[in-house]
Amino acid sequence: MIASHLTLSVQLVIGGVAGWLAGVLHFATLRQTVRLFAAGAAARALLLQAGRLALLALIFFALARLGAWVLLSGAAGLLLARRGALRRNAREATQTVVRGASQKGAQP
């Protein structure tokens, strides 16, 4: 346990921030992966998928080396980033539906 000399609050902050940043990057690249698959660029999408998962595994391996509390707060940060990504996607989907409905309503 490398982080044993750090206070618990510092460990939680380090893990939470690192997990949140990893999550933001992870879900942004997931979005790009989906776009690549939809565009028919399966090889590029698979490479991005592999890189995305490898980077996340590497980050969480490093957090685990720092200690259990760092790892646990990193997972919480990742879940927080996931929640933000889901909210953003739901908001964009709603806007798309509203735009589509208003365009249909404007047609004779």
PDB file of N, CA and C in Angstrom:
ATOM      1  N   MET A   1       0.836  -1.166   0.000  1.00  0.00           N
ATOM      2  CA  MET A   1       0.000   0.000   0.000  1.00  0.00           C
ATOM      3  C   MET A   1       0.887   1.238   0.000  1.00  0.00           C
ATOM      4  N   ILE A   2       0.955   1.905  -1.109  1.00  0.00           N
ATOM      5  CA  ILE A   2       1.848   3.036  -1.293  1.00  0.00           C
ATOM      6  C   ILE A   2       1.307   4.291  -0.609  1.00  0.00           C
ATOM      7  N   ALA A   3      -0.010   4.445  -0.553  1.00  0.00           N
ATOM      8  CA  ALA A   3      -0.610   5.677  -0.049  1.00  0.00           C
ATOM      9  C   ALA A   3      -0.798   5.685   1.465  1.00  0.00           C
ATOM     10  N   SER A   4      -0.149   4.793   2.182  1.00  0.00           N
ATOM     11  CA  SER A   4      -0.358   4.699   3.623  1.00  0.00           C
ATOM     12  C   SER A   4       0.089   5.953   4.363  1.00  0.00           C
ATOM     13  N   HIS A   5       0.986   6.720   3.786  1.00  0.00           N
ATOM     14  CA  HIS A   5       1.446   7.930   4.446  1.00  0.00           C
ATOM     15  C   HIS A   5       0.524   9.123   4.180  1.00  0.00           C
ATOM     16  N   LEU A   6      -0.439   8.976   3.273  1.00  0.00           N
ATOM     17  CA  LEU A   6      -1.385  10.055   2.988  1.00  0.00           C
ATOM     18  C   LEU A   6      -2.592   9.942   3.907  1.00  0.00           C
ATOM     19  N   THR A   7      -3.181  11.077   4.247  1.00  0.00           N
ATOM     20  CA  THR A   7      -4.384  11.036   5.065  1.00  0.00           C
ATOM     21  C   THR A   7      -5.535  10.451   4.252  1.00  0.00           C
ATOM     22  N   LEU A   8      -6.532   9.974   4.949  1.00  0.00           N
ATOM     23  CA  LEU A   8      -7.678   9.358   4.277  1.00  0.00           C
ATOM     24  C   LEU A   8      -8.368  10.342   3.342  1.00  0.00           C
ATOM     25  N   SER A   9      -8.514  11.573   3.778  1.00  0.00           N
ATOM     26  CA  SER A   9      -9.191  12.561   2.930  1.00  0.00           C
ATOM     27  C   SER A   9      -8.406  12.820   1.643  1.00  0.00           C
ATOM     28  N   VAL A  10      -7.096  12.853   1.723  1.00  0.00           N
ATOM     29  CA  VAL A  10      -6.274  13.048   0.521  1.00  0.00           C
ATOM     30  C   VAL A  10      -6.403  11.835  -0.401  1.00  0.00           C
ATOM     31  N   GLN A  11      -6.410  10.643   0.166  1.00  0.00           N
ATOM     32  CA  GLN A  11      -6.590   9.435  -0.637  1.00  0.00           C
ATOM     33  C   GLN A  11      -7.932   9.455  -1.366  1.00  0.00           C
ATOM     34  N   LEU A  12      -8.981   9.867  -0.661  1.00  0.00           N
ATOM     35  CA  LEU A  12     -10.313   9.916  -1.271  1.00  0.00           C
ATOM     36  C   LEU A  12     -10.379  10.941  -2.386  1.00  0.00           C
ATOM     37  N   VAL A  13      -9.745  12.079  -2.192  1.00  0.00           N
ATOM     38  CA  VAL A  13      -9.751  13.117  -3.225  1.00  0.00           C
ATOM     39  C   VAL A  13      -8.960  12.660  -4.447  1.00  0.00           C
ATOM     40  N   ILE A  14      -7.793  12.108  -4.216  1.00  0.00           N
ATOM     41  CA  ILE A  14      -6.973  11.621  -5.338  1.00  0.00           C
ATOM     42  C   ILE A  14      -7.724  10.580  -6.142  1.00  0.00           C
ATOM     43  N   GLY A  15      -8.286   9.606  -5.463  1.00  0.00           N
ATOM     44  CA  GLY A  15      -9.018   8.555  -6.156  1.00  0.00           C
ATOM     45  C   GLY A  15     -10.254   9.068  -6.859  1.00  0.00           C
ATOM     46  N   GLY A  16     -11.007   9.923  -6.192  1.00  0.00           N
ATOM     47  CA  GLY A  16     -12.235  10.448  -6.787  1.00  0.00           C
ATOM     48  C   GLY A  16     -11.985  11.273  -8.031  1.00  0.00           C
ATOM     49  N   VAL A  17     -11.002  12.140  -7.950  1.00  0.00           N
ATOM     50  CA  VAL A  17     -10.675  12.980  -9.112  1.00  0.00           C
ATOM     51  C   VAL A  17     -10.124  12.128 -10.254  1.00  0.00           C
ATOM     52  N   ALA A  18      -9.241  11.212  -9.940  1.00  0.00           N
ATOM     53  CA  ALA A  18      -8.674  10.348 -10.986  1.00  0.00           C
ATOM     54  C   ALA A  18      -9.766   9.478 -11.614  1.00  0.00           C
ATOM     55  N   GLY A  19     -10.649   8.931 -10.798  1.00  0.00           N
ATOM     56  CA  GLY A  19     -11.739   8.110 -11.317  1.00  0.00           C
ATOM     57  C   GLY A  19     -12.699   8.910 -12.166  1.00  0.00           C
ATOM     58  N   TRP A  20     -12.997  10.132 -11.720  1.00  0.00           N
ATOM     59  CA  TRP A  20     -13.909  10.983 -12.494  1.00  0.00           C
ATOM     60  C   TRP A  20     -13.290  11.353 -13.842  1.00  0.00           C
ATOM     61  N   LEU A  21     -12.014  11.750 -13.836  1.00  0.00           N
ATOM     62  CA  LEU A  21     -11.345  12.092 -15.098  1.00  0.00           C
ATOM     63  C   LEU A  21     -11.259  10.880 -16.022  1.00  0.00           C
ATOM     64  N   ALA A  22     -10.952   9.718 -15.451  1.00  0.00           N
ATOM     65  CA  ALA A  22     -10.909   8.498 -16.251  1.00  0.00           C
ATOM     66  C   ALA A  22     -12.283   8.195 -16.831  1.00  0.00           C
ATOM     67  N   GLY A  23     -13.323   8.415 -16.041  1.00  0.00           N
ATOM     68  CA  GLY A  23     -14.682   8.174 -16.511  1.00  0.00           C
ATOM     69  C   GLY A  23     -15.105   9.119 -17.613  1.00  0.00           C
ATOM     70  N   VAL A  24     -14.761  10.394 -17.461  1.00  0.00           N
ATOM     71  CA  VAL A  24     -15.100  11.369 -18.502  1.00  0.00           C
ATOM     72  C   VAL A  24     -14.441  10.965 -19.818  1.00  0.00           C
ATOM     73  N   LEU A  25     -13.171  10.618 -19.761  1.00  0.00           N
ATOM     74  CA  LEU A  25     -12.459  10.178 -20.958  1.00  0.00           C
ATOM     75  C   LEU A  25     -13.049   8.876 -21.500  1.00  0.00           C
ATOM     76  N   HIS A  26     -13.337   7.946 -20.615  1.00  0.00           N
ATOM     77  CA  HIS A  26     -13.875   6.648 -21.006  1.00  0.00           C
ATOM     78  C   HIS A  26     -15.206   6.802 -21.744  1.00  0.00           C
ATOM     79  N   PHE A  27     -16.111   7.588 -21.203  1.00  0.00           N
ATOM     80  CA  PHE A  27     -17.428   7.710 -21.812  1.00  0.00           C
ATOM     81  C   PHE A  27     -17.422   8.607 -23.042  1.00  0.00           C
ATOM     82  N   ALA A  28     -16.498   9.544 -23.118  1.00  0.00           N
ATOM     83  CA  ALA A  28     -16.361  10.341 -24.340  1.00  0.00           C
ATOM     84  C   ALA A  28     -15.853   9.472 -25.485  1.00  0.00           C
ATOM     85  N   THR A  29     -14.890   8.603 -25.194  1.00  0.00           N
ATOM     86  CA  THR A  29     -14.381   7.728 -26.250  1.00  0.00           C
ATOM     87  C   THR A  29     -15.376   6.611 -26.572  1.00  0.00           C
ATOM     88  N   LEU A  30     -16.217   6.241 -25.615  1.00  0.00           N
ATOM     89  CA  LEU A  30     -17.291   5.283 -25.914  1.00  0.00           C
ATOM     90  C   LEU A  30     -18.238   5.877 -26.944  1.00  0.00           C
ATOM     91  N   ARG A  31     -18.535   7.126 -26.769  1.00  0.00           N
ATOM     92  CA  ARG A  31     -19.403   7.834 -27.718  1.00  0.00           C
ATOM     93  C   ARG A  31     -18.781   7.824 -29.120  1.00  0.00           C
ATOM     94  N   GLN A  32     -17.491   8.081 -29.184  1.00  0.00           N
ATOM     95  CA  GLN A  32     -16.796   8.071 -30.473  1.00  0.00           C
ATOM     96  C   GLN A  32     -16.768   6.662 -31.056  1.00  0.00           C
ATOM     97  N   THR A  33     -16.608   5.652 -30.211  1.00  0.00           N
ATOM     98  CA  THR A  33     -16.614   4.267 -30.674  1.00  0.00           C
ATOM     99  C   THR A  33     -17.940   3.927 -31.326  1.00  0.00           C
ATOM    100  N   VAL A  34     -19.030   4.342 -30.711  1.00  0.00           N
ATOM    101  CA  VAL A  34     -20.359   4.084 -31.273  1.00  0.00           C
ATOM    102  C   VAL A  34     -20.504   4.772 -32.621  1.00  0.00           C
ATOM    103  N   ARG A  35     -20.027   5.992 -32.711  1.00  0.00           N
ATOM    104  CA  ARG A  35     -20.104   6.713 -34.000  1.00  0.00           C
ATOM    105  C   ARG A  35     -19.299   6.009 -35.085  1.00  0.00           C
ATOM    106  N   LEU A  36     -18.128   5.490 -34.719  1.00  0.00           N
ATOM    107  CA  LEU A  36     -17.317   4.774 -35.706  1.00  0.00           C
ATOM    108  C   LEU A  36     -18.004   3.499 -36.166  1.00  0.00           C
ATOM    109  N   PHE A  37     -18.579   2.751 -35.227  1.00  0.00           N
ATOM    110  CA  PHE A  37     -19.322   1.545 -35.606  1.00  0.00           C
ATOM    111  C   PHE A  37     -20.487   1.893 -36.523  1.00  0.00           C
ATOM    112  N   ALA A  38     -21.216   2.947 -36.197  1.00  0.00           N
ATOM    113  CA  ALA A  38     -22.367   3.354 -37.003  1.00  0.00           C
ATOM    114  C   ALA A  38     -21.948   3.808 -38.400  1.00  0.00           C
ATOM    115  N   ALA A  39     -20.752   4.366 -38.503  1.00  0.00           N
ATOM    116  CA  ALA A  39     -20.256   4.837 -39.797  1.00  0.00           C
ATOM    117  C   ALA A  39     -19.640   3.710 -40.624  1.00  0.00           C
ATOM    118  N   GLY A  40     -19.553   2.509 -40.062  1.00  0.00           N
ATOM    119  CA  GLY A  40     -19.004   1.384 -40.785  1.00  0.00           C
ATOM    120  C   GLY A  40     -17.503   1.215 -40.655  1.00  0.00           C
ATOM    121  N   ALA A  41     -16.896   1.965 -39.759  1.00  0.00           N
ATOM    122  CA  ALA A  41     -15.445   1.873 -39.550  1.00  0.00           C
ATOM    123  C   ALA A  41     -15.176   0.940 -38.367  1.00  0.00           C
ATOM    124  N   ALA A  42     -15.513  -0.333 -38.559  1.00  0.00           N
ATOM    125  CA  ALA A  42     -15.435  -1.297 -37.459  1.00  0.00           C
ATOM    126  C   ALA A  42     -14.006  -1.511 -36.962  1.00  0.00           C
ATOM    127  N   ALA A  43     -13.048  -1.538 -37.845  1.00  0.00           N
ATOM    128  CA  ALA A  43     -11.660  -1.768 -37.426  1.00  0.00           C
ATOM    129  C   ALA A  43     -11.176  -0.634 -36.520  1.00  0.00           C
ATOM    130  N   ARG A  44     -11.436   0.597 -36.916  1.00  0.00           N
ATOM    131  CA  ARG A  44     -11.048   1.742 -36.080  1.00  0.00           C
ATOM    132  C   ARG A  44     -11.805   1.740 -34.758  1.00  0.00           C
ATOM    133  N   ALA A  45     -13.083   1.366 -34.818  1.00  0.00           N
ATOM    134  CA  ALA A  45     -13.894   1.330 -33.602  1.00  0.00           C
ATOM    135  C   ALA A  45     -13.370   0.274 -32.633  1.00  0.00           C
ATOM    136  N   LEU A  46     -12.974  -0.870 -33.151  1.00  0.00           N
ATOM    137  CA  LEU A  46     -12.438  -1.923 -32.286  1.00  0.00           C
ATOM    138  C   LEU A  46     -11.096  -1.528 -31.677  1.00  0.00           C
ATOM    139  N   LEU A  47     -10.262  -0.851 -32.444  1.00  0.00           N
ATOM    140  CA  LEU A  47      -8.990  -0.358 -31.903  1.00  0.00           C
ATOM    141  C   LEU A  47      -9.227   0.667 -30.800  1.00  0.00           C
ATOM    142  N   LEU A  48     -10.158   1.575 -31.039  1.00  0.00           N
ATOM    143  CA  LEU A  48     -10.477   2.572 -30.018  1.00  0.00           C
ATOM    144  C   LEU A  48     -11.066   1.899 -28.781  1.00  0.00           C
ATOM    145  N   GLN A  49     -11.912   0.908 -28.985  1.00  0.00           N
ATOM    146  CA  GLN A  49     -12.505   0.169 -27.868  1.00  0.00           C
ATOM    147  C   GLN A  49     -11.424  -0.517 -27.035  1.00  0.00           C
ATOM    148  N   ALA A  50     -10.511  -1.175 -27.699  1.00  0.00           N
ATOM    149  CA  ALA A  50      -9.423  -1.860 -26.986  1.00  0.00           C
ATOM    150  C   ALA A  50      -8.556  -0.866 -26.215  1.00  0.00           C
ATOM    151  N   GLY A  51      -8.223   0.245 -26.844  1.00  0.00           N
ATOM    152  CA  GLY A  51      -7.427   1.268 -26.179  1.00  0.00           C
ATOM    153  C   GLY A  51      -8.155   1.888 -25.008  1.00  0.00           C
ATOM    154  N   ARG A  52      -9.435   2.114 -25.170  1.00  0.00           N
ATOM    155  CA  ARG A  52     -10.262   2.707 -24.125  1.00  0.00           C
ATOM    156  C   ARG A  52     -10.303   1.813 -22.897  1.00  0.00           C
ATOM    157  N   LEU A  53     -10.520   0.529 -23.105  1.00  0.00           N
ATOM    158  CA  LEU A  53     -10.580  -0.418 -21.993  1.00  0.00           C
ATOM    159  C   LEU A  53      -9.211  -0.643 -21.356  1.00  0.00           C
ATOM    160  N   ALA A  54      -8.169  -0.677 -22.183  1.00  0.00           N
ATOM    161  CA  ALA A  54      -6.814  -0.857 -21.643  1.00  0.00           C
ATOM    162  C   ALA A  54      -6.406   0.334 -20.782  1.00  0.00           C
ATOM    163  N   LEU A  55      -6.728   1.548 -21.229  1.00  0.00           N
ATOM    164  CA  LEU A  55      -6.391   2.732 -20.452  1.00  0.00           C
ATOM    165  C   LEU A  55      -7.154   2.749 -19.122  1.00  0.00           C
ATOM    166  N   LEU A  56      -8.425   2.386 -19.154  1.00  0.00           N
ATOM    167  CA  LEU A  56      -9.204   2.347 -17.918  1.00  0.00           C
ATOM    168  C   LEU A  56      -8.638   1.300 -16.960  1.00  0.00           C
ATOM    169  N   ALA A  57      -8.271   0.146 -17.488  1.00  0.00           N
ATOM    170  CA  ALA A  57      -7.682  -0.899 -16.641  1.00  0.00           C
ATOM    171  C   ALA A  57      -6.355  -0.432 -16.047  1.00  0.00           C
ATOM    172  N   LEU A  58      -5.553   0.254 -16.836  1.00  0.00           N
ATOM    173  CA  LEU A  58      -4.267   0.766 -16.354  1.00  0.00           C
ATOM    174  C   LEU A  58      -4.460   1.801 -15.248  1.00  0.00           C
ATOM    175  N   ILE A  59      -5.405   2.691 -15.431  1.00  0.00           N
ATOM    176  CA  ILE A  59      -5.677   3.713 -14.420  1.00  0.00           C
ATOM    177  C   ILE A  59      -6.138   3.064 -13.121  1.00  0.00           C
ATOM    178  N   PHE A  60      -7.043   2.094 -13.216  1.00  0.00           N
ATOM    179  CA  PHE A  60      -7.530   1.464 -12.000  1.00  0.00           C
ATOM    180  C   PHE A  60      -6.494   0.530 -11.370  1.00  0.00           C
ATOM    181  N   PHE A  61      -5.603  -0.004 -12.152  1.00  0.00           N
ATOM    182  CA  PHE A  61      -4.485  -0.754 -11.590  1.00  0.00           C
ATOM    183  C   PHE A  61      -3.600   0.174 -10.756  1.00  0.00           C
ATOM    184  N   ALA A  62      -3.334   1.361 -11.310  1.00  0.00           N
ATOM    185  CA  ALA A  62      -2.522   2.340 -10.576  1.00  0.00           C
ATOM    186  C   ALA A  62      -3.228   2.785  -9.296  1.00  0.00           C
ATOM    187  N   LEU A  63      -4.538   2.993  -9.375  1.00  0.00           N
ATOM    188  CA  LEU A  63      -5.293   3.363  -8.171  1.00  0.00           C
ATOM    189  C   LEU A  63      -5.247   2.242  -7.137  1.00  0.00           C
ATOM    190  N   ALA A  64      -5.324   1.002  -7.576  1.00  0.00           N
ATOM    191  CA  ALA A  64      -5.269  -0.137  -6.654  1.00  0.00           C
ATOM    192  C   ALA A  64      -3.909  -0.207  -5.967  1.00  0.00           C
ATOM    193  N   ARG A  65      -2.862   0.134  -6.697  1.00  0.00           N
ATOM    194  CA  ARG A  65      -1.521   0.136  -6.100  1.00  0.00           C
ATOM    195  C   ARG A  65      -1.389   1.198  -5.009  1.00  0.00           C
ATOM    196  N   LEU A  66      -2.187   2.255  -5.125  1.00  0.00           N
ATOM    197  CA  LEU A  66      -2.140   3.325  -4.127  1.00  0.00           C
ATOM    198  C   LEU A  66      -2.910   2.973  -2.863  1.00  0.00           C
ATOM    199  N   GLY A  67      -3.815   2.024  -2.945  1.00  0.00           N
ATOM    200  CA  GLY A  67      -4.543   1.602  -1.752  1.00  0.00           C
ATOM    201  C   GLY A  67      -6.021   1.390  -2.004  1.00  0.00           C
ATOM    202  N   ALA A  68      -6.641   0.730  -1.053  1.00  0.00           N
ATOM    203  CA  ALA A  68      -8.055   0.360  -1.188  1.00  0.00           C
ATOM    204  C   ALA A  68      -8.967   1.583  -1.219  1.00  0.00           C
ATOM    205  N   TRP A  69      -8.701   2.570  -0.367  1.00  0.00           N
ATOM    206  CA  TRP A  69      -9.557   3.750  -0.345  1.00  0.00           C
ATOM    207  C   TRP A  69      -9.432   4.561  -1.618  1.00  0.00           C
ATOM    208  N   VAL A  70      -8.246   4.620  -2.166  1.00  0.00           N
ATOM    209  CA  VAL A  70      -8.037   5.330  -3.431  1.00  0.00           C
ATOM    210  C   VAL A  70      -8.801   4.621  -4.542  1.00  0.00           C
ATOM    211  N   LEU A  71      -8.720   3.310  -4.562  1.00  0.00           N
ATOM    212  CA  LEU A  71      -9.435   2.525  -5.569  1.00  0.00           C
ATOM    213  C   LEU A  71     -10.940   2.682  -5.422  1.00  0.00           C
ATOM    214  N   LEU A  72     -11.426   2.607  -4.205  1.00  0.00           N
ATOM    215  CA  LEU A  72     -12.863   2.729  -3.961  1.00  0.00           C
ATOM    216  C   LEU A  72     -13.382   4.107  -4.359  1.00  0.00           C
ATOM    217  N   SER A  73     -12.672   5.152  -4.007  1.00  0.00           N
ATOM    218  CA  SER A  73     -13.118   6.491  -4.392  1.00  0.00           C
ATOM    219  C   SER A  73     -12.949   6.711  -5.896  1.00  0.00           C
ATOM    220  N   GLY A  74     -11.986   6.031  -6.515  1.00  0.00           N
ATOM    221  CA  GLY A  74     -11.851   6.089  -7.970  1.00  0.00           C
ATOM    222  C   GLY A  74     -13.050   5.476  -8.662  1.00  0.00           C
ATOM    223  N   ALA A  75     -13.540   4.367  -8.114  1.00  0.00           N
ATOM    224  CA  ALA A  75     -14.744   3.740  -8.668  1.00  0.00           C
ATOM    225  C   ALA A  75     -15.950   4.657  -8.509  1.00  0.00           C
ATOM    226  N   ALA A  76     -16.032   5.342  -7.372  1.00  0.00           N
ATOM    227  CA  ALA A  76     -17.122   6.295  -7.162  1.00  0.00           C
ATOM    228  C   ALA A  76     -17.027   7.452  -8.157  1.00  0.00           C
ATOM    229  N   GLY A  77     -15.818   7.919  -8.426  1.00  0.00           N
ATOM    230  CA  GLY A  77     -15.625   8.972  -9.420  1.00  0.00           C
ATOM    231  C   GLY A  77     -16.030   8.523 -10.807  1.00  0.00           C
ATOM    232  N   LEU A  78     -15.710   7.280 -11.141  1.00  0.00           N
ATOM    233  CA  LEU A  78     -16.119   6.726 -12.440  1.00  0.00           C
ATOM    234  C   LEU A  78     -17.636   6.674 -12.539  1.00  0.00           C
ATOM    235  N   LEU A  79     -18.299   6.248 -11.477  1.00  0.00           N
ATOM    236  CA  LEU A  79     -19.761   6.193 -11.485  1.00  0.00           C
ATOM    237  C   LEU A  79     -20.372   7.590 -11.588  1.00  0.00           C
ATOM    238  N   LEU A  80     -19.736   8.571 -10.995  1.00  0.00           N
ATOM    239  CA  LEU A  80     -20.199   9.950 -11.108  1.00  0.00           C
ATOM    240  C   LEU A  80     -20.084  10.434 -12.559  1.00  0.00           C
ATOM    241  N   ALA A  81     -18.996  10.101 -13.203  1.00  0.00           N
ATOM    242  CA  ALA A  81     -18.822  10.469 -14.617  1.00  0.00           C
ATOM    243  C   ALA A  81     -19.839   9.740 -15.485  1.00  0.00           C
ATOM    244  N   ARG A  82     -20.148   8.500 -15.135  1.00  0.00           N
ATOM    245  CA  ARG A  82     -21.156   7.733 -15.871  1.00  0.00           C
ATOM    246  C   ARG A  82     -22.515   8.401 -15.761  1.00  0.00           C
ATOM    247  N   ARG A  83     -22.839   8.840 -14.555  1.00  0.00           N
ATOM    248  CA  ARG A  83     -24.116   9.518 -14.351  1.00  0.00           C
ATOM    249  C   ARG A  83     -24.204  10.773 -15.202  1.00  0.00           C
ATOM    250  N   GLY A  84     -23.126  11.525 -15.259  1.00  0.00           N
ATOM    251  CA  GLY A  84     -23.105  12.725 -16.092  1.00  0.00           C
ATOM    252  C   GLY A  84     -23.268  12.399 -17.567  1.00  0.00           C
ATOM    253  N   ALA A  85     -22.610  11.346 -18.023  1.00  0.00           N
ATOM    254  CA  ALA A  85     -22.722  10.947 -19.428  1.00  0.00           C
ATOM    255  C   ALA A  85     -24.148  10.505 -19.757  1.00  0.00           C
ATOM    256  N   LEU A  86     -24.772   9.767 -18.861  1.00  0.00           N
ATOM    257  CA  LEU A  86     -26.151   9.332 -19.086  1.00  0.00           C
ATOM    258  C   LEU A  86     -27.104  10.520 -19.126  1.00  0.00           C
ATOM    259  N   ARG A  87     -26.915  11.469 -18.236  1.00  0.00           N
ATOM    260  CA  ARG A  87     -27.758  12.668 -18.243  1.00  0.00           C
ATOM    261  C   ARG A  87     -27.577  13.462 -19.530  1.00  0.00           C
ATOM    262  N   ARG A  88     -26.339  13.616 -19.961  1.00  0.00           N
ATOM    263  CA  ARG A  88     -26.075  14.354 -21.193  1.00  0.00           C
ATOM    264  C   ARG A  88     -26.723  13.650 -22.384  1.00  0.00           C
ATOM    265  N   ASN A  89     -26.594  12.335 -22.449  1.00  0.00           N
ATOM    266  CA  ASN A  89     -27.193  11.597 -23.555  1.00  0.00           C
ATOM    267  C   ASN A  89     -28.712  11.672 -23.530  1.00  0.00           C
ATOM    268  N   ALA A  90     -29.312  11.607 -22.333  1.00  0.00           N
ATOM    269  CA  ALA A  90     -30.765  11.713 -22.226  1.00  0.00           C
ATOM    270  C   ALA A  90     -31.235  13.099 -22.663  1.00  0.00           C
ATOM    271  N   ARG A  91     -30.508  14.128 -22.270  1.00  0.00           N
ATOM    272  CA  ARG A  91     -30.859  15.498 -22.653  1.00  0.00           C
ATOM    273  C   ARG A  91     -30.768  15.662 -24.165  1.00  0.00           C
ATOM    274  N   GLU A  92     -29.710  15.132 -24.772  1.00  0.00           N
ATOM    275  CA  GLU A  92     -29.555  15.251 -26.227  1.00  0.00           C
ATOM    276  C   GLU A  92     -30.622  14.448 -26.959  1.00  0.00           C
ATOM    277  N   ALA A  93     -30.979  13.283 -26.434  1.00  0.00           N
ATOM    278  CA  ALA A  93     -32.032  12.485 -27.059  1.00  0.00           C
ATOM    279  C   ALA A  93     -33.371  13.205 -26.987  1.00  0.00           C
ATOM    280  N   THR A  94     -33.638  13.833 -25.866  1.00  0.00           N
ATOM    281  CA  THR A  94     -34.879  14.584 -25.710  1.00  0.00           C
ATOM    282  C   THR A  94     -34.925  15.744 -26.691  1.00  0.00           C
ATOM    283  N   GLN A  95     -33.820  16.447 -26.835  1.00  0.00           N
ATOM    284  CA  GLN A  95     -33.773  17.563 -27.778  1.00  0.00           C
ATOM    285  C   GLN A  95     -33.978  17.085 -29.211  1.00  0.00           C
ATOM    286  N   THR A  96     -33.429  15.931 -29.542  1.00  0.00           N
ATOM    287  CA  THR A  96     -33.602  15.377 -30.879  1.00  0.00           C
ATOM    288  C   THR A  96     -35.056  15.029 -31.130  1.00  0.00           C
ATOM    289  N   VAL A  97     -35.712  14.429 -30.149  1.00  0.00           N
ATOM    290  CA  VAL A  97     -37.128  14.067 -30.289  1.00  0.00           C
ATOM    291  C   VAL A  97     -37.984  15.318 -30.428  1.00  0.00           C
ATOM    292  N   VAL A  98     -37.696  16.334 -29.623  1.00  0.00           N
ATOM    293  CA  VAL A  98     -38.467  17.572 -29.683  1.00  0.00           C
ATOM    294  C   VAL A  98     -38.272  18.253 -31.034  1.00  0.00           C
ATOM    295  N   ARG A  99     -37.029  18.286 -31.511  1.00  0.00           N
ATOM    296  CA  ARG A  99     -36.772  18.877 -32.834  1.00  0.00           C
ATOM    297  C   ARG A  99     -37.507  18.117 -33.931  1.00  0.00           C
ATOM    298  N   GLY A 100     -37.470  16.785 -33.840  1.00  0.00           N
ATOM    299  CA  GLY A 100     -38.163  15.970 -34.838  1.00  0.00           C
ATOM    300  C   GLY A 100     -39.664  16.182 -34.798  1.00  0.00           C
ATOM    301  N   ALA A 101     -40.239  16.299 -33.620  1.00  0.00           N
ATOM    302  CA  ALA A 101     -41.669  16.513 -33.480  1.00  0.00           C
ATOM    303  C   ALA A 101     -42.069  17.894 -33.996  1.00  0.00           C
ATOM    304  N   SER A 102     -41.239  18.891 -33.724  1.00  0.00           N
ATOM    305  CA  SER A 102     -41.571  20.252 -34.193  1.00  0.00           C
ATOM    306  C   SER A 102     -41.452  20.350 -35.712  1.00  0.00           C
ATOM    307  N   GLN A 103     -40.535  19.619 -36.300  1.00  0.00           N
ATOM    308  CA  GLN A 103     -40.403  19.613 -37.752  1.00  0.00           C
ATOM    309  C   GLN A 103     -41.572  18.896 -38.394  1.00  0.00           C
ATOM    310  N   LYS A 104     -42.064  17.832 -37.793  1.00  0.00           N
ATOM    311  CA  LYS A 104     -43.243  17.131 -38.326  1.00  0.00           C
ATOM    312  C   LYS A 104     -44.489  18.002 -38.200  1.00  0.00           C
ATOM    313  N   GLY A 105     -44.568  18.731 -37.097  1.00  0.00           N
ATOM    314  CA  GLY A 105     -45.718  19.591 -36.871  1.00  0.00           C
ATOM    315  C   GLY A 105     -45.754  20.775 -37.837  1.00  0.00           C
ATOM    316  N   ALA A 106     -44.598  21.208 -38.319  1.00  0.00           N
ATOM    317  CA  ALA A 106     -44.520  22.328 -39.221  1.00  0.00           C
ATOM    318  C   ALA A 106     -44.841  21.931 -40.655  1.00  0.00           C
ATOM    319  N   GLN A 107     -44.793  20.643 -40.965  1.00  0.00           N
ATOM    320  CA  GLN A 107     -45.075  20.181 -42.319  1.00  0.00           C
ATOM    321  C   GLN A 107     -46.588  20.100 -42.529  1.00  0.00           C
ATOM    322  N   PRO A 108     -47.072  20.474 -43.736  1.00  0.00           N
ATOM    323  CA  PRO A 108     -48.506  20.400 -44.004  1.00  0.00           C
ATOM    324  C   PRO A 108     -49.018  19.006 -44.150  1.00  0.00           C
TER     325      PRO A 108
END
